[in-house]
N, C-alpha and C. Protein backbone atom coordinates (compact mmCIF):
# COMPACT_ATOMS: atom_id res chain seq x y z
N MET A 1 22.60 -19.32 -0.21
CA MET A 1 21.48 -18.62 0.38
C MET A 1 21.96 -17.29 0.92
N GLU A 2 21.16 -16.28 0.76
CA GLU A 2 21.52 -14.92 1.16
C GLU A 2 21.37 -14.75 2.66
N ASP A 3 22.35 -14.09 3.25
CA ASP A 3 22.29 -13.79 4.68
C ASP A 3 21.45 -12.55 4.88
N VAL A 4 20.29 -12.71 5.55
CA VAL A 4 19.37 -11.58 5.70
C VAL A 4 19.89 -10.55 6.68
N ASN A 5 20.84 -10.92 7.52
CA ASN A 5 21.38 -9.97 8.49
C ASN A 5 22.51 -9.13 7.93
N SER A 6 23.01 -9.49 6.77
CA SER A 6 24.09 -8.72 6.19
C SER A 6 23.53 -7.61 5.32
N SER A 7 24.25 -6.54 5.25
CA SER A 7 23.83 -5.41 4.44
C SER A 7 24.74 -5.31 3.24
N VAL A 8 24.17 -4.94 2.12
CA VAL A 8 24.98 -4.78 0.92
C VAL A 8 25.77 -3.50 0.97
N PHE A 9 25.46 -2.64 1.94
CA PHE A 9 26.12 -1.35 2.01
C PHE A 9 27.27 -1.33 3.02
N VAL A 10 27.47 -2.43 3.72
CA VAL A 10 28.58 -2.51 4.66
C VAL A 10 29.80 -2.97 3.90
N ASN A 11 30.87 -2.20 4.03
CA ASN A 11 32.10 -2.55 3.32
C ASN A 11 32.84 -3.62 4.10
N GLU A 12 33.05 -4.72 3.44
CA GLU A 12 33.86 -5.77 4.03
C GLU A 12 35.30 -5.51 3.59
N PRO A 13 36.21 -5.51 4.51
CA PRO A 13 37.59 -5.20 4.12
C PRO A 13 38.17 -6.27 3.21
N VAL A 14 38.72 -5.81 2.13
CA VAL A 14 39.40 -6.70 1.19
C VAL A 14 40.86 -6.30 1.23
N ASN A 15 41.67 -7.15 1.77
CA ASN A 15 43.07 -6.84 1.93
C ASN A 15 43.86 -7.47 0.79
N LEU A 16 44.16 -6.65 -0.18
CA LEU A 16 44.89 -7.16 -1.34
C LEU A 16 46.35 -7.43 -1.01
N LEU A 17 46.86 -6.78 0.04
CA LEU A 17 48.27 -6.96 0.36
C LEU A 17 48.56 -8.40 0.79
N ASP A 18 47.58 -9.04 1.42
CA ASP A 18 47.78 -10.43 1.82
C ASP A 18 47.78 -11.36 0.62
N ASN A 19 47.11 -10.97 -0.44
CA ASN A 19 46.96 -11.84 -1.60
C ASN A 19 47.83 -11.40 -2.77
N MET A 20 48.78 -10.57 -2.52
CA MET A 20 49.61 -10.08 -3.62
C MET A 20 50.58 -11.17 -4.08
N ALA A 21 50.89 -11.06 -5.35
CA ALA A 21 51.90 -11.97 -5.89
C ALA A 21 53.24 -11.62 -5.25
N GLU A 22 54.03 -12.60 -4.99
CA GLU A 22 55.29 -12.39 -4.29
C GLU A 22 56.28 -11.56 -5.11
N SER A 23 56.24 -11.68 -6.39
CA SER A 23 57.31 -11.10 -7.20
C SER A 23 57.25 -9.58 -7.27
N GLY A 24 56.12 -9.00 -7.63
CA GLY A 24 56.14 -7.57 -7.88
C GLY A 24 55.26 -6.75 -6.95
N GLY A 25 54.61 -7.35 -6.02
CA GLY A 25 53.74 -6.59 -5.14
C GLY A 25 52.46 -6.15 -5.81
N GLU A 26 52.14 -6.67 -6.95
CA GLU A 26 50.91 -6.34 -7.68
C GLU A 26 49.89 -7.45 -7.45
N PRO A 27 48.59 -7.10 -7.46
CA PRO A 27 47.59 -8.16 -7.31
C PRO A 27 47.58 -9.07 -8.54
N THR A 28 47.32 -10.32 -8.30
CA THR A 28 47.24 -11.28 -9.41
C THR A 28 45.87 -11.17 -10.06
N ASN A 29 45.76 -11.81 -11.19
CA ASN A 29 44.45 -11.84 -11.86
C ASN A 29 43.40 -12.50 -10.96
N ARG A 30 43.83 -13.50 -10.21
CA ARG A 30 42.91 -14.18 -9.28
C ARG A 30 42.42 -13.21 -8.21
N ASP A 31 43.33 -12.37 -7.69
CA ASP A 31 42.95 -11.38 -6.68
C ASP A 31 41.94 -10.40 -7.25
N ILE A 32 42.20 -9.95 -8.45
CA ILE A 32 41.29 -9.00 -9.10
C ILE A 32 39.94 -9.66 -9.36
N MET A 33 39.96 -10.91 -9.82
CA MET A 33 38.70 -11.62 -10.06
C MET A 33 37.92 -11.83 -8.76
N ASN A 34 38.63 -12.12 -7.68
CA ASN A 34 37.95 -12.27 -6.38
C ASN A 34 37.27 -10.96 -5.97
N CYS A 35 37.96 -9.85 -6.17
CA CYS A 35 37.36 -8.54 -5.85
C CYS A 35 36.16 -8.27 -6.74
N LEU A 36 36.30 -8.55 -8.02
CA LEU A 36 35.19 -8.32 -8.95
C LEU A 36 34.01 -9.22 -8.62
N ASN A 37 34.28 -10.46 -8.24
CA ASN A 37 33.19 -11.37 -7.85
C ASN A 37 32.48 -10.87 -6.59
N ALA A 38 33.26 -10.33 -5.64
CA ALA A 38 32.64 -9.78 -4.43
C ALA A 38 31.75 -8.59 -4.79
N ILE A 39 32.23 -7.75 -5.69
CA ILE A 39 31.43 -6.59 -6.13
C ILE A 39 30.18 -7.07 -6.85
N LYS A 40 30.33 -8.10 -7.69
CA LYS A 40 29.17 -8.65 -8.42
C LYS A 40 28.13 -9.19 -7.45
N CYS A 41 28.57 -9.89 -6.41
CA CYS A 41 27.62 -10.42 -5.42
C CYS A 41 26.87 -9.29 -4.73
N ARG A 42 27.58 -8.23 -4.38
CA ARG A 42 26.92 -7.09 -3.74
C ARG A 42 25.92 -6.44 -4.68
N LEU A 43 26.32 -6.28 -5.93
CA LEU A 43 25.40 -5.68 -6.91
C LEU A 43 24.18 -6.57 -7.13
N ASP A 44 24.39 -7.88 -7.14
CA ASP A 44 23.25 -8.80 -7.27
C ASP A 44 22.29 -8.65 -6.09
N ASN A 45 22.84 -8.52 -4.90
CA ASN A 45 21.99 -8.32 -3.71
C ASN A 45 21.22 -7.01 -3.79
N VAL A 46 21.89 -5.96 -4.25
CA VAL A 46 21.21 -4.67 -4.41
C VAL A 46 20.09 -4.80 -5.44
N GLU A 47 20.37 -5.50 -6.53
CA GLU A 47 19.35 -5.69 -7.58
C GLU A 47 18.15 -6.46 -7.04
N LYS A 48 18.39 -7.49 -6.24
CA LYS A 48 17.29 -8.25 -5.64
C LYS A 48 16.44 -7.35 -4.75
N LYS A 49 17.09 -6.52 -3.96
CA LYS A 49 16.35 -5.64 -3.05
C LYS A 49 15.58 -4.58 -3.84
N LEU A 50 16.18 -4.07 -4.90
CA LEU A 50 15.47 -3.09 -5.74
C LEU A 50 14.26 -3.73 -6.42
N THR A 51 14.41 -4.98 -6.84
CA THR A 51 13.28 -5.70 -7.44
C THR A 51 12.16 -5.89 -6.41
N SER A 52 12.54 -6.22 -5.19
CA SER A 52 11.54 -6.36 -4.13
C SER A 52 10.83 -5.04 -3.86
N ILE A 53 11.57 -3.96 -3.87
CA ILE A 53 10.98 -2.64 -3.65
C ILE A 53 10.02 -2.31 -4.78
N ALA A 54 10.40 -2.62 -6.01
CA ALA A 54 9.52 -2.35 -7.16
C ALA A 54 8.22 -3.16 -7.03
N LYS A 55 8.33 -4.41 -6.59
CA LYS A 55 7.13 -5.23 -6.40
C LYS A 55 6.24 -4.64 -5.31
N LEU A 56 6.86 -4.17 -4.23
CA LEU A 56 6.09 -3.54 -3.15
C LEU A 56 5.39 -2.28 -3.64
N GLU A 57 6.09 -1.49 -4.44
CA GLU A 57 5.48 -0.27 -4.99
C GLU A 57 4.26 -0.62 -5.84
N GLU A 58 4.37 -1.67 -6.63
CA GLU A 58 3.25 -2.10 -7.46
C GLU A 58 2.08 -2.56 -6.59
N CYS A 59 2.40 -3.32 -5.53
CA CYS A 59 1.34 -3.78 -4.62
C CYS A 59 0.65 -2.60 -3.95
N PHE A 60 1.42 -1.62 -3.50
CA PHE A 60 0.82 -0.45 -2.85
C PHE A 60 0.00 0.36 -3.84
N SER A 61 0.45 0.42 -5.08
CA SER A 61 -0.31 1.14 -6.10
C SER A 61 -1.65 0.46 -6.33
N ASN A 62 -1.64 -0.87 -6.44
CA ASN A 62 -2.89 -1.62 -6.60
C ASN A 62 -3.78 -1.46 -5.37
N PHE A 63 -3.17 -1.48 -4.19
CA PHE A 63 -3.92 -1.31 -2.95
C PHE A 63 -4.58 0.07 -2.92
N GLU A 64 -3.85 1.08 -3.35
CA GLU A 64 -4.39 2.44 -3.38
C GLU A 64 -5.58 2.52 -4.34
N LYS A 65 -5.47 1.87 -5.50
CA LYS A 65 -6.58 1.85 -6.45
C LYS A 65 -7.80 1.17 -5.84
N ASP A 66 -7.57 0.05 -5.16
CA ASP A 66 -8.67 -0.68 -4.51
C ASP A 66 -9.35 0.19 -3.45
N ILE A 67 -8.55 0.88 -2.66
CA ILE A 67 -9.11 1.76 -1.62
C ILE A 67 -9.95 2.86 -2.25
N LYS A 68 -9.46 3.45 -3.35
CA LYS A 68 -10.23 4.50 -4.02
C LYS A 68 -11.55 3.96 -4.55
N CYS A 69 -11.53 2.77 -5.12
CA CYS A 69 -12.77 2.15 -5.62
C CYS A 69 -13.74 1.89 -4.47
N MET A 70 -13.22 1.41 -3.36
CA MET A 70 -14.08 1.15 -2.21
C MET A 70 -14.67 2.45 -1.66
N CYS A 71 -13.88 3.51 -1.63
CA CYS A 71 -14.38 4.80 -1.16
C CYS A 71 -15.47 5.32 -2.08
N LEU A 72 -15.27 5.17 -3.38
CA LEU A 72 -16.28 5.61 -4.34
C LEU A 72 -17.57 4.81 -4.16
N ALA A 73 -17.45 3.50 -4.01
CA ALA A 73 -18.63 2.66 -3.79
C ALA A 73 -19.33 3.04 -2.49
N LEU A 74 -18.55 3.31 -1.46
CA LEU A 74 -19.12 3.70 -0.17
C LEU A 74 -19.86 5.04 -0.28
N GLU A 75 -19.25 6.00 -0.98
CA GLU A 75 -19.91 7.29 -1.17
C GLU A 75 -21.22 7.14 -1.94
N THR A 76 -21.22 6.28 -2.95
CA THR A 76 -22.45 6.03 -3.72
C THR A 76 -23.52 5.43 -2.81
N ARG A 77 -23.13 4.47 -1.97
CA ARG A 77 -24.09 3.86 -1.04
C ARG A 77 -24.62 4.89 -0.06
N ILE A 78 -23.74 5.73 0.44
CA ILE A 78 -24.15 6.75 1.41
C ILE A 78 -25.17 7.70 0.78
N LYS A 79 -24.91 8.11 -0.46
CA LYS A 79 -25.86 9.00 -1.14
C LYS A 79 -27.22 8.33 -1.29
N GLY A 80 -27.22 7.05 -1.65
CA GLY A 80 -28.48 6.30 -1.79
C GLY A 80 -29.23 6.22 -0.47
N VAL A 81 -28.51 5.94 0.60
CA VAL A 81 -29.14 5.84 1.91
C VAL A 81 -29.68 7.21 2.34
N GLU A 82 -28.90 8.26 2.08
CA GLU A 82 -29.37 9.61 2.43
C GLU A 82 -30.65 9.96 1.67
N GLN A 83 -30.72 9.58 0.40
CA GLN A 83 -31.93 9.85 -0.38
C GLN A 83 -33.12 9.09 0.20
N ARG A 84 -32.91 7.83 0.57
CA ARG A 84 -34.00 7.05 1.16
C ARG A 84 -34.44 7.64 2.50
N VAL A 85 -33.51 8.08 3.30
CA VAL A 85 -33.85 8.69 4.59
C VAL A 85 -34.64 9.98 4.36
N ASP A 86 -34.21 10.78 3.38
CA ASP A 86 -34.94 12.02 3.07
C ASP A 86 -36.38 11.71 2.65
N ARG A 87 -36.54 10.68 1.81
CA ARG A 87 -37.90 10.30 1.40
C ARG A 87 -38.74 9.84 2.58
N LEU A 88 -38.14 9.04 3.45
CA LEU A 88 -38.87 8.58 4.64
C LEU A 88 -39.25 9.75 5.55
N GLU A 89 -38.32 10.69 5.72
CA GLU A 89 -38.64 11.86 6.53
C GLU A 89 -39.78 12.66 5.91
N HIS A 90 -39.73 12.80 4.60
CA HIS A 90 -40.79 13.52 3.90
C HIS A 90 -42.12 12.80 4.07
N ASP A 91 -42.09 11.48 3.91
CA ASP A 91 -43.32 10.68 4.07
C ASP A 91 -43.85 10.77 5.49
N THR A 92 -42.97 10.72 6.48
CA THR A 92 -43.44 10.79 7.88
C THR A 92 -44.01 12.17 8.20
N GLU A 93 -43.40 13.21 7.62
CA GLU A 93 -43.96 14.55 7.81
C GLU A 93 -45.35 14.64 7.19
N GLY A 94 -45.48 14.07 5.99
CA GLY A 94 -46.78 14.06 5.32
C GLY A 94 -47.80 13.25 6.09
N SER A 95 -47.38 12.13 6.64
CA SER A 95 -48.32 11.31 7.41
C SER A 95 -48.70 12.00 8.71
N GLY A 96 -47.80 12.76 9.28
CA GLY A 96 -48.12 13.52 10.48
C GLY A 96 -49.20 14.55 10.21
N ILE A 97 -49.11 15.20 9.06
CA ILE A 97 -50.13 16.18 8.67
C ILE A 97 -51.46 15.46 8.44
N ALA A 98 -51.41 14.31 7.76
CA ALA A 98 -52.63 13.55 7.49
C ALA A 98 -53.27 13.08 8.79
N VAL A 99 -52.48 12.64 9.75
CA VAL A 99 -53.01 12.20 11.04
C VAL A 99 -53.67 13.38 11.75
N ALA A 100 -53.06 14.52 11.69
CA ALA A 100 -53.64 15.71 12.33
C ALA A 100 -54.98 16.06 11.69
N GLU A 101 -55.07 15.95 10.36
CA GLU A 101 -56.33 16.24 9.67
C GLU A 101 -57.41 15.24 10.07
N VAL A 102 -57.04 13.96 10.11
CA VAL A 102 -58.01 12.92 10.48
C VAL A 102 -58.46 13.13 11.92
N THR A 103 -57.54 13.45 12.79
CA THR A 103 -57.88 13.68 14.20
C THR A 103 -58.84 14.86 14.33
N SER A 104 -58.57 15.92 13.59
CA SER A 104 -59.47 17.08 13.66
C SER A 104 -60.85 16.74 13.10
N ARG A 105 -60.92 15.93 12.05
CA ARG A 105 -62.22 15.51 11.50
C ARG A 105 -62.99 14.68 12.50
N VAL A 106 -62.25 13.72 13.13
CA VAL A 106 -62.90 12.87 14.12
C VAL A 106 -63.43 13.73 15.27
N GLU A 107 -62.64 14.65 15.71
CA GLU A 107 -63.09 15.53 16.79
C GLU A 107 -64.30 16.36 16.34
N HIS A 108 -64.27 16.80 15.09
CA HIS A 108 -65.37 17.60 14.55
C HIS A 108 -66.64 16.75 14.45
N LEU A 109 -66.47 15.49 14.03
CA LEU A 109 -67.62 14.60 13.91
C LEU A 109 -68.17 14.20 15.28
N GLU A 110 -67.30 14.08 16.26
CA GLU A 110 -67.74 13.72 17.59
C GLU A 110 -68.55 14.84 18.24
N LYS A 111 -68.35 16.04 17.81
CA LYS A 111 -69.08 17.17 18.41
C LYS A 111 -70.43 17.27 17.87
């Protein structure tokens, strides 16, 4: 299991001098393989994190598309509501004129 508190970018000291072959002071094949395995583990961790970042980028891209669609739908709704309000205002203005005409007729008839 991966340690979430460890960073793949922190260099862990690898002391080859402690693991050197006694005869020539050169690292053994086992020492080299241990170093290569440590590098492979770090690269695997980096790859996992890069994969996670790519997935997050895809999620944010989809989220951005959804937000744009919602904004477009909202703008369409707003335009529709504005048109209905304009019609109602026009109708109320017209009814105000009609009420004034009827009132003047009634007043004229009452005289």
